Structures are given as C-alpha cells and as structure tokens.
C-alpha atoms as a PDB file:
ATOM      1  CA  UNK A   1      -5.743 -75.347 -39.702  1.00  0.00           C
ATOM      2  CA  UNK A   2      -8.747 -76.928 -38.098  1.00  0.00           C
ATOM      3  CA  UNK A   3     -12.365 -76.251 -38.584  1.00  0.00           C
ATOM      4  CA  UNK A   4     -13.972 -73.915 -36.127  1.00  0.00           C
ATOM      5  CA  UNK A   5     -17.790 -74.615 -35.675  1.00  0.00           C
ATOM      6  CA  UNK A   6     -18.549 -72.686 -32.526  1.00  0.00           C
ATOM      7  CA  UNK A   7     -17.082 -69.204 -32.571  1.00  0.00           C
ATOM      8  CA  UNK A   8     -18.625 -66.287 -34.498  1.00  0.00           C
ATOM      9  CA  UNK A   9     -16.495 -63.447 -35.694  1.00  0.00           C
ATOM     10  CA  UNK A  10     -17.956 -59.922 -36.406  1.00  0.00           C
ATOM     11  CA  UNK A  11     -17.172 -58.181 -39.661  1.00  0.00           C
ATOM     12  CA  UNK A  12     -18.035 -54.831 -41.322  1.00  0.00           C
ATOM     13  CA  UNK A  13     -19.569 -55.142 -44.709  1.00  0.00           C
ATOM     14  CA  UNK A  14     -17.130 -52.736 -46.562  1.00  0.00           C
ATOM     15  CA  UNK A  15     -18.080 -53.261 -50.132  1.00  0.00           C
ATOM     16  CA  UNK A  16     -20.491 -55.242 -52.369  1.00  0.00           C
ATOM     17  CA  UNK A  17     -19.636 -54.626 -55.900  1.00  0.00           C
ATOM     18  CA  UNK A  18     -21.082 -56.262 -59.015  1.00  0.00           C
ATOM     19  CA  UNK A  19     -18.308 -57.481 -61.244  1.00  0.00           C
ATOM     20  CA  UNK A  20     -20.328 -59.281 -63.879  1.00  0.00           C
ATOM     21  CA  UNK A  21     -23.947 -59.885 -64.777  1.00  0.00           C
ATOM     22  CA  UNK A  22     -24.441 -62.193 -61.773  1.00  0.00           C
ATOM     23  CA  UNK A  23     -21.200 -62.192 -59.613  1.00  0.00           C
ATOM     24  CA  UNK A  24     -20.629 -59.820 -56.670  1.00  0.00           C
ATOM     25  CA  UNK A  25     -17.272 -59.085 -55.170  1.00  0.00           C
ATOM     26  CA  UNK A  26     -17.665 -58.642 -51.422  1.00  0.00           C
ATOM     27  CA  UNK A  27     -15.108 -57.180 -49.023  1.00  0.00           C
ATOM     28  CA  UNK A  28     -15.442 -57.774 -45.256  1.00  0.00           C
ATOM     29  CA  UNK A  29     -13.342 -55.898 -42.688  1.00  0.00           C
ATOM     30  CA  UNK A  30     -12.723 -57.606 -39.233  1.00  0.00           C
ATOM     31  CA  UNK A  31     -13.998 -55.573 -36.228  1.00  0.00           C
ATOM     32  CA  UNK A  32     -11.207 -57.121 -34.230  1.00  0.00           C
ATOM     33  CA  UNK A  33      -8.204 -59.270 -35.098  1.00  0.00           C
ATOM     34  CA  UNK A  34      -8.672 -61.220 -38.428  1.00  0.00           C
ATOM     35  CA  UNK A  35      -9.088 -64.906 -37.537  1.00  0.00           C
ATOM     36  CA  UNK A  36      -6.296 -67.050 -38.789  1.00  0.00           C
ATOM     37  CA  UNK A  37      -6.963 -69.218 -41.876  1.00  0.00           C
ATOM     38  CA  UNK A  38      -5.202 -70.934 -44.759  1.00  0.00           C
ATOM     39  CA  UNK A  39      -5.416 -70.140 -48.375  1.00  0.00           C
ATOM     40  CA  UNK A  40      -8.198 -72.316 -50.010  1.00  0.00           C
ATOM     41  CA  UNK A  41     -10.439 -72.427 -46.937  1.00  0.00           C
ATOM     42  CA  UNK A  42     -14.082 -71.204 -46.686  1.00  0.00           C
ATOM     43  CA  UNK A  43     -16.308 -69.512 -44.100  1.00  0.00           C
ATOM     44  CA  UNK A  44     -19.970 -69.929 -43.060  1.00  0.00           C
ATOM     45  CA  UNK A  45     -21.931 -66.545 -43.310  1.00  0.00           C
ATOM     46  CA  UNK A  46     -24.792 -66.089 -40.914  1.00  0.00           C
ATOM     47  CA  UNK A  47     -27.998 -64.989 -42.629  1.00  0.00           C
ATOM     48  CA  UNK A  48     -30.912 -62.959 -41.171  1.00  0.00           C
ATOM     49  CA  UNK A  49     -32.871 -66.133 -40.262  1.00  0.00           C
ATOM     50  CA  UNK A  50     -29.908 -67.670 -38.520  1.00  0.00           C
ATOM     51  CA  UNK A  51     -28.929 -70.164 -41.198  1.00  0.00           C
ATOM     52  CA  UNK A  52     -25.309 -70.405 -42.302  1.00  0.00           C
ATOM     53  CA  UNK A  53     -24.211 -70.283 -45.925  1.00  0.00           C
ATOM     54  CA  UNK A  54     -20.747 -71.460 -47.057  1.00  0.00           C
ATOM     55  CA  UNK A  55     -18.617 -69.256 -49.189  1.00  0.00           C
ATOM     56  CA  UNK A  56     -14.978 -69.778 -50.218  1.00  0.00           C
ATOM     57  CA  UNK A  57     -12.577 -67.027 -48.990  1.00  0.00           C
ATOM     58  CA  UNK A  58     -11.129 -65.492 -52.122  1.00  0.00           C
ATOM     59  CA  UNK A  59      -8.606 -63.136 -50.403  1.00  0.00           C
ATOM     60  CA  UNK A  60      -5.145 -64.186 -49.248  1.00  0.00           C
ATOM     61  CA  UNK A  61      -4.305 -64.751 -45.499  1.00  0.00           C
ATOM     62  CA  UNK A  62      -1.462 -62.214 -46.187  1.00  0.00           C
ATOM     63  CA  UNK A  63      -4.211 -59.539 -46.580  1.00  0.00           C
ATOM     64  CA  UNK A  64      -5.971 -57.839 -43.693  1.00  0.00           C
ATOM     65  CA  UNK A  65      -9.475 -58.190 -45.129  1.00  0.00           C
ATOM     66  CA  UNK A  66     -11.726 -60.969 -46.388  1.00  0.00           C
ATOM     67  CA  UNK A  67     -12.978 -61.144 -49.994  1.00  0.00           C
ATOM     68  CA  UNK A  68     -15.811 -63.334 -51.312  1.00  0.00           C
ATOM     69  CA  UNK A  69     -17.077 -63.987 -54.839  1.00  0.00           C
ATOM     70  CA  UNK A  70     -20.907 -64.551 -54.681  1.00  0.00           C
ATOM     71  CA  UNK A  71     -22.875 -65.528 -57.709  1.00  0.00           C
ATOM     72  CA  UNK A  72     -26.455 -64.585 -58.022  1.00  0.00           C
ATOM     73  CA  UNK A  73     -28.434 -66.941 -60.226  1.00  0.00           C
ATOM     74  CA  UNK A  74     -31.797 -65.938 -61.743  1.00  0.00           C
ATOM     75  CA  UNK A  75     -34.513 -67.912 -59.922  1.00  0.00           C
ATOM     76  CA  UNK A  76     -32.420 -68.721 -56.892  1.00  0.00           C
ATOM     77  CA  UNK A  77     -34.143 -66.895 -54.057  1.00  0.00           C
ATOM     78  CA  UNK A  78     -31.502 -67.798 -51.526  1.00  0.00           C
ATOM     79  CA  UNK A  79     -28.699 -65.993 -53.515  1.00  0.00           C
ATOM     80  CA  UNK A  80     -31.005 -62.953 -53.806  1.00  0.00           C
ATOM     81  CA  UNK A  81     -31.490 -62.941 -50.044  1.00  0.00           C
ATOM     82  CA  UNK A  82     -27.883 -63.283 -49.383  1.00  0.00           C
ATOM     83  CA  UNK A  83     -26.936 -60.311 -51.608  1.00  0.00           C
ATOM     84  CA  UNK A  84     -29.692 -58.189 -50.124  1.00  0.00           C
ATOM     85  CA  UNK A  85     -28.534 -59.199 -46.628  1.00  0.00           C
ATOM     86  CA  UNK A  86     -25.068 -58.019 -47.373  1.00  0.00           C
ATOM     87  CA  UNK A  87     -26.130 -54.794 -49.031  1.00  0.00           C
ATOM     88  CA  UNK A  88     -28.362 -53.767 -46.101  1.00  0.00           C
ATOM     89  CA  UNK A  89     -26.286 -54.745 -43.184  1.00  0.00           C
ATOM     90  CA  UNK A  90     -23.340 -52.839 -41.848  1.00  0.00           C
ATOM     91  CA  UNK A  91     -22.186 -55.818 -39.790  1.00  0.00           C
ATOM     92  CA  UNK A  92     -22.317 -59.537 -40.300  1.00  0.00           C
ATOM     93  CA  UNK A  93     -21.204 -62.668 -38.357  1.00  0.00           C
ATOM     94  CA  UNK A  94     -19.188 -65.599 -39.746  1.00  0.00           C
ATOM     95  CA  UNK A  95     -17.861 -68.822 -38.531  1.00  0.00           C
ATOM     96  CA  UNK A  96     -14.306 -69.801 -39.853  1.00  0.00           C
ATOM     97  CA  UNK A  97     -12.192 -71.380 -41.004  1.00  0.00           C
ATOM     98  CA  UNK A  98     -13.425 -74.607 -42.659  1.00  0.00           C
ATOM     99  CA  UNK A  99     -12.033 -76.881 -45.478  1.00  0.00           C
ATOM    100  CA  UNK A 100      -9.067 -78.954 -46.217  1.00  0.00           C
ATOM    101  CA  UNK A 101      -8.472 -78.129 -49.877  1.00  0.00           C
ATOM    102  CA  UNK A 102      -5.155 -76.567 -49.261  1.00  0.00           C
ATOM    103  CA  UNK A 103      -1.954 -76.476 -51.343  1.00  0.00           C
ATOM    104  CA  UNK A 104       0.137 -79.448 -50.275  1.00  0.00           C
ATOM    105  CA  UNK A 105       3.884 -79.163 -49.542  1.00  0.00           C
ATOM    106  CA  UNK A 106       5.257 -80.720 -52.767  1.00  0.00           C
ATOM    107  CA  UNK A 107       7.406 -80.103 -55.722  1.00  0.00           C
ATOM    108  CA  UNK A 108       4.879 -81.530 -58.119  1.00  0.00           C
ATOM    109  CA  UNK A 109       2.961 -79.174 -60.434  1.00  0.00           C
ATOM    110  CA  UNK A 110      -0.202 -77.922 -58.803  1.00  0.00           C
ATOM    111  CA  UNK A 111      -3.202 -77.916 -61.178  1.00  0.00           C
ATOM    112  CA  UNK A 112      -6.350 -75.915 -60.439  1.00  0.00           C
ATOM    113  CA  UNK A 113      -9.510 -76.729 -62.349  1.00  0.00           C
ATOM    114  CA  UNK A 114     -12.212 -74.130 -61.517  1.00  0.00           C
ATOM    115  CA  UNK A 115     -15.829 -73.793 -62.831  1.00  0.00           C
ATOM    116  CA  UNK A 116     -17.420 -70.315 -62.373  1.00  0.00           C
ATOM    117  CA  UNK A 117     -17.034 -68.945 -58.845  1.00  0.00           C
ATOM    118  CA  UNK A 118     -14.987 -72.113 -58.097  1.00  0.00           C
ATOM    119  CA  UNK A 119     -12.198 -69.766 -58.983  1.00  0.00           C
ATOM    120  CA  UNK A 120     -12.580 -68.003 -55.609  1.00  0.00           C
ATOM    121  CA  UNK A 121     -10.482 -70.570 -53.427  1.00  0.00           C
ATOM    122  CA  UNK A 122      -7.881 -70.778 -56.072  1.00  0.00           C
ATOM    123  CA  UNK A 123      -7.734 -66.994 -56.270  1.00  0.00           C
ATOM    124  CA  UNK A 124      -6.663 -67.251 -52.663  1.00  0.00           C
ATOM    125  CA  UNK A 125      -4.182 -70.069 -53.090  1.00  0.00           C
ATOM    126  CA  UNK A 126      -2.473 -68.715 -56.220  1.00  0.00           C
ATOM    127  CA  UNK A 127      -2.286 -65.154 -54.967  1.00  0.00           C
ATOM    128  CA  UNK A 128      -0.758 -66.328 -51.737  1.00  0.00           C
ATOM    129  CA  UNK A 129       1.777 -68.606 -53.528  1.00  0.00           C
ATOM    130  CA  UNK A 130       2.777 -65.597 -55.774  1.00  0.00           C
ATOM    131  CA  UNK A 131       2.962 -63.163 -52.893  1.00  0.00           C
ATOM    132  CA  UNK A 132       5.198 -65.615 -50.983  1.00  0.00           C
ATOM    133  CA  UNK A 133       7.617 -66.264 -53.838  1.00  0.00           C
ATOM    134  CA  UNK A 134       6.644 -69.898 -54.186  1.00  0.00           C
ATOM    135  CA  UNK A 135       8.375 -71.207 -57.370  1.00  0.00           C
ATOM    136  CA  UNK A 136       6.215 -74.303 -57.648  1.00  0.00           C
ATOM    137  CA  UNK A 137       4.663 -74.846 -61.157  1.00  0.00           C
ATOM    138  CA  UNK A 138       1.083 -73.498 -60.917  1.00  0.00           C
ATOM    139  CA  UNK A 139      -1.428 -74.278 -63.714  1.00  0.00           C
ATOM    140  CA  UNK A 140      -4.920 -72.723 -63.660  1.00  0.00           C
ATOM    141  CA  UNK A 141      -7.776 -73.803 -65.927  1.00  0.00           C
ATOM    142  CA  UNK A 142     -10.869 -71.606 -65.449  1.00  0.00           C
ATOM    143  CA  UNK A 143     -14.090 -72.621 -67.138  1.00  0.00           C
ATOM    144  CA  UNK A 144     -17.249 -70.696 -67.677  1.00  0.00           C
ATOM    145  CA  UNK A 145     -20.091 -70.344 -70.179  1.00  0.00           C
ATOM    146  CA  UNK A 146     -19.442 -66.862 -71.452  1.00  0.00           C
ATOM    147  CA  UNK A 147     -16.729 -64.278 -71.313  1.00  0.00           C
ATOM    148  CA  UNK A 148     -18.613 -62.223 -68.735  1.00  0.00           C
ATOM    149  CA  UNK A 149     -18.641 -65.287 -66.434  1.00  0.00           C
ATOM    150  CA  UNK A 150     -14.859 -64.989 -66.188  1.00  0.00           C
ATOM    151  CA  UNK A 151     -15.539 -62.094 -63.887  1.00  0.00           C
ATOM    152  CA  UNK A 152     -11.928 -61.369 -62.961  1.00  0.00           C
ATOM    153  CA  UNK A 153     -10.223 -62.355 -66.194  1.00  0.00           C
ATOM    154  CA  UNK A 154      -7.691 -59.560 -66.154  1.00  0.00           C
ATOM    155  CA  UNK A 155      -6.152 -60.633 -62.789  1.00  0.00           C
ATOM    156  CA  UNK A 156      -5.037 -64.215 -63.563  1.00  0.00           C
ATOM    157  CA  UNK A 157      -3.985 -62.979 -67.067  1.00  0.00           C
ATOM    158  CA  UNK A 158      -1.684 -60.462 -65.432  1.00  0.00           C
ATOM    159  CA  UNK A 159      -0.458 -63.088 -62.973  1.00  0.00           C
ATOM    160  CA  UNK A 160       0.469 -65.385 -65.772  1.00  0.00           C
ATOM    161  CA  UNK A 161       2.295 -62.602 -67.698  1.00  0.00           C
ATOM    162  CA  UNK A 162       4.352 -61.636 -64.646  1.00  0.00           C
ATOM    163  CA  UNK A 163       5.124 -64.979 -63.052  1.00  0.00           C
ATOM    164  CA  UNK A 164       7.125 -67.597 -64.947  1.00  0.00           C
ATOM    165  CA  UNK A 165       5.753 -70.517 -62.878  1.00  0.00           C
ATOM    166  CA  UNK A 166       2.044 -69.792 -63.577  1.00  0.00           C
ATOM    167  CA  UNK A 167       0.114 -70.933 -66.655  1.00  0.00           C
ATOM    168  CA  UNK A 168      -3.453 -69.764 -67.124  1.00  0.00           C
ATOM    169  CA  UNK A 169      -5.934 -71.129 -69.518  1.00  0.00           C
ATOM    170  CA  UNK A 170      -9.459 -69.709 -69.746  1.00  0.00           C
ATOM    171  CA  UNK A 171     -12.101 -72.047 -71.338  1.00  0.00           C
ATOM    172  CA  UNK A 172     -15.638 -71.368 -72.439  1.00  0.00           C
ATOM    173  CA  UNK A 173     -18.271 -73.987 -72.755  1.00  0.00           C
ATOM    174  CA  UNK A 174     -21.167 -71.825 -74.017  1.00  0.00           C
ATOM    175  CA  UNK A 175     -21.715 -69.928 -77.298  1.00  0.00           C
ATOM    176  CA  UNK A 176     -19.777 -66.671 -77.431  1.00  0.00           C
ATOM    177  CA  UNK A 177     -19.102 -65.676 -80.981  1.00  0.00           C
ATOM    178  CA  UNK A 178     -16.379 -63.071 -79.917  1.00  0.00           C
ATOM    179  CA  UNK A 179     -14.380 -65.576 -77.943  1.00  0.00           C
ATOM    180  CA  UNK A 180     -11.031 -66.475 -79.662  1.00  0.00           C
ATOM    181  CA  UNK A 181      -9.708 -68.815 -76.866  1.00  0.00           C
ATOM    182  CA  UNK A 182     -10.204 -72.459 -75.799  1.00  0.00           C
ATOM    183  CA  UNK A 183     -13.779 -73.920 -75.974  1.00  0.00           C
ATOM    184  CA  UNK A 184     -15.420 -76.931 -74.376  1.00  0.00           C
ATOM    185  CA  UNK A 185     -15.389 -78.469 -70.925  1.00  0.00           C
ATOM    186  CA  UNK A 186     -12.605 -76.879 -68.857  1.00  0.00           C
ATOM    187  CA  UNK A 187     -11.101 -80.263 -67.652  1.00  0.00           C
ATOM    188  CA  UNK A 188     -11.158 -81.642 -71.138  1.00  0.00           C
ATOM    189  CA  UNK A 189      -8.901 -78.798 -72.147  1.00  0.00           C
ATOM    190  CA  UNK A 190      -6.494 -79.601 -69.473  1.00  0.00           C
ATOM    191  CA  UNK A 191      -6.470 -83.343 -70.247  1.00  0.00           C
ATOM    192  CA  UNK A 192      -5.866 -82.685 -73.923  1.00  0.00           C
ATOM    193  CA  UNK A 193      -2.865 -80.518 -73.088  1.00  0.00           C
ATOM    194  CA  UNK A 194      -0.973 -83.045 -70.974  1.00  0.00           C
ATOM    195  CA  UNK A 195      -0.338 -86.711 -71.915  1.00  0.00           C
ATOM    196  CA  UNK A 196       0.663 -87.726 -68.351  1.00  0.00           C
ATOM    197  CA  UNK A 197      -1.328 -86.102 -65.517  1.00  0.00           C
ATOM    198  CA  UNK A 198      -0.461 -88.727 -62.860  1.00  0.00           C
ATOM    199  CA  UNK A 199       2.515 -86.731 -61.431  1.00  0.00           C
ATOM    200  CA  UNK A 200       0.474 -83.685 -60.552  1.00  0.00           C
ATOM    201  CA  UNK A 201      -1.582 -82.452 -57.500  1.00  0.00           C
ATOM    202  CA  UNK A 202      -4.916 -81.477 -58.993  1.00  0.00           C
ATOM    203  CA  UNK A 203      -7.399 -79.227 -57.222  1.00  0.00           C
ATOM    204  CA  UNK A 204     -11.032 -78.895 -58.360  1.00  0.00           C
ATOM    205  CA  UNK A 205     -13.753 -76.396 -57.413  1.00  0.00           C
ATOM    206  CA  UNK A 206     -17.198 -75.585 -58.820  1.00  0.00           C
ATOM    207  CA  UNK A 207     -20.695 -76.949 -58.677  1.00  0.00           C
ATOM    208  CA  UNK A 208     -21.042 -80.469 -57.183  1.00  0.00           C
ATOM    209  CA  UNK A 209     -21.977 -82.071 -60.561  1.00  0.00           C
ATOM    210  CA  UNK A 210     -18.943 -80.372 -62.223  1.00  0.00           C
ATOM    211  CA  UNK A 211     -16.672 -81.588 -59.399  1.00  0.00           C
ATOM    212  CA  UNK A 212     -17.830 -85.199 -59.535  1.00  0.00           C
ATOM    213  CA  UNK A 213     -17.526 -85.376 -63.335  1.00  0.00           C
ATOM    214  CA  UNK A 214     -13.962 -84.027 -63.316  1.00  0.00           C
ATOM    215  CA  UNK A 215     -13.073 -86.461 -60.441  1.00  0.00           C
ATOM    216  CA  UNK A 216     -14.370 -89.461 -62.415  1.00  0.00           C
ATOM    217  CA  UNK A 217     -12.563 -88.413 -65.617  1.00  0.00           C
ATOM    218  CA  UNK A 218      -9.315 -87.908 -63.690  1.00  0.00           C
ATOM    219  CA  UNK A 219      -9.566 -91.285 -62.131  1.00  0.00           C
ATOM    220  CA  UNK A 220     -10.161 -92.783 -65.592  1.00  0.00           C
ATOM    221  CA  UNK A 221      -6.937 -91.129 -66.714  1.00  0.00           C
ATOM    222  CA  UNK A 222      -4.941 -92.844 -63.914  1.00  0.00           C
ATOM    223  CA  UNK A 223      -4.766 -90.032 -61.383  1.00  0.00           C
ATOM    224  CA  UNK A 224      -4.654 -91.428 -57.839  1.00  0.00           C
ATOM    225  CA  UNK A 225      -7.509 -90.474 -55.485  1.00  0.00           C
ATOM    226  CA  UNK A 226      -5.086 -88.917 -52.977  1.00  0.00           C
ATOM    227  CA  UNK A 227      -3.798 -86.585 -55.660  1.00  0.00           C
ATOM    228  CA  UNK A 228      -7.278 -85.189 -56.356  1.00  0.00           C
ATOM    229  CA  UNK A 229      -8.327 -82.310 -53.878  1.00  0.00           C
ATOM    230  CA  UNK A 230     -11.709 -80.845 -53.364  1.00  0.00           C
ATOM    231  CA  UNK A 231     -13.858 -79.901 -50.367  1.00  0.00           C
ATOM    232  CA  UNK A 232     -16.847 -81.431 -52.056  1.00  0.00           C
ATOM    233  CA  UNK A 233     -14.971 -84.766 -52.305  1.00  0.00           C
ATOM    234  CA  UNK A 234     -13.792 -84.548 -48.703  1.00  0.00           C
ATOM    235  CA  UNK A 235     -17.374 -83.839 -47.380  1.00  0.00           C
ATOM    236  CA  UNK A 236     -18.738 -86.743 -49.345  1.00  0.00           C
ATOM    237  CA  UNK A 237     -16.070 -88.981 -47.922  1.00  0.00           C
ATOM    238  CA  UNK A 238     -16.905 -87.824 -44.412  1.00  0.00           C
ATOM    239  CA  UNK A 239     -20.536 -88.784 -44.869  1.00  0.00           C
ATOM    240  CA  UNK A 240     -19.695 -92.008 -46.465  1.00  0.00           C
ATOM    241  CA  UNK A 241     -21.007 -91.106 -49.933  1.00  0.00           C
ATOM    242  CA  UNK A 242     -17.545 -91.587 -51.606  1.00  0.00           C
ATOM    243  CA  UNK A 243     -14.924 -94.251 -51.019  1.00  0.00           C
END
C-alpha cells in the first residue's frame, strides 16, 4: 500500500466519544467508497487552518468506517483545537493512507509494544489478524501511567481470553494503588518475560522519546534493526536522522 499525498477524501464525523479522562474515540464514515488501506497505517486529518495532523487508523480495513484514538493533553492547544474541530464539523477531509508499519508475512511471533494511544495502530493490526483467522503468535504489551490511560482495556483483555494465539500484558508506569498488574516501563516488562527476543518481529508505537528508548534497548538485546518496526523509525531513516 503506497502513501497517497495528493488526494483528499471526504468523511462524515459520526461520533466523538470520550473514553477516558483525555482520550477520545472518533468514528468517521466515508461519504463515498472507503479508500483502501492496510492495518497499521495512518491518515492526515485536515484542520480548519488547512494544516494536516497525523493520526493512526485504529479500525480494521475489514470494517466500513474509520476509527481514531485521539489524546487531548492539558496545555496542548493543538489537541484542544483538533477535538473542537471534530465536534463542530459534520464533514472533514483526510489524506490517506500513509505508513509502512505493517504486519510482515512471517511465522515468527509478532510483538507489539505500545505506549498510550500508540495502541491505536496495533488495535487495527491485531483486530484484523483475529478477524482473518491468522494463527500467528501475537504478543501485545500496552503501557500507560494509570489504569484510566488504558482506555480500551476490556477489548484486548477479551481478545486474549478468546484467542489462543494472543497474549496481552498491560503495564503501568505511574502510581496507581489499585493496580494489581505489572508495573514499570512497558518494554522492560516484555524483555523480562523473554530470554531470547532475537527471533521475533517487534512493532513499537507511542511518543518519539518512548519509541527511540525502546529501539535502543532492543538493539542492545541483540534484536536486528530490520526486525524492529515503527513509522517513527522509518521517518527518521528517510530524513537521514537514523542509520
């Protein structure tokens, strides 16, 4: 699936629903045929001033709508403008699809390390794999600061309970006295659980500092560069910022 930088597609803003203290679940319905895309890709959302904002597509290409997970951080005016824009517009325009962080055709275990709304592209990939009956081993580690930041916790929990080939481990890095699960940095939890991680395809999504930290730690554990997948890494490579 190639990047499409020229064509705009029109969508109806069907739903903007708050699913945690700062994350919104957005549903967009195509006004014509849904553009083709692959699980794990992202789109560029046109804002009122004409600027474009990137968002991972959280829905599966097997669905007939698009879903986004948008985090609104206190003090981030742009996030406020984006949510307000979506709430007060019946129609929006997007460019799509973009990104190359796709599930590779392989029998190796696929590991997904997500921070916060970095879960969105993996929601698309894993949901698509499960809907397609893919029997590949899927391992999801989702990290956040507090329980409320795991804004769709029930869904991957239910996936793991119903699919034998999916393991799900939520991890909290912040103080949450009611949390009984894993604690610490999400990729540290993954690396503690597996002695040999060199025979896996590892996908990473989250903030740029998080992705770069995970990338370096994976390299230090002997994981080959070509087995680590992230759109942030790919963009840095394109601009010569990463070898």
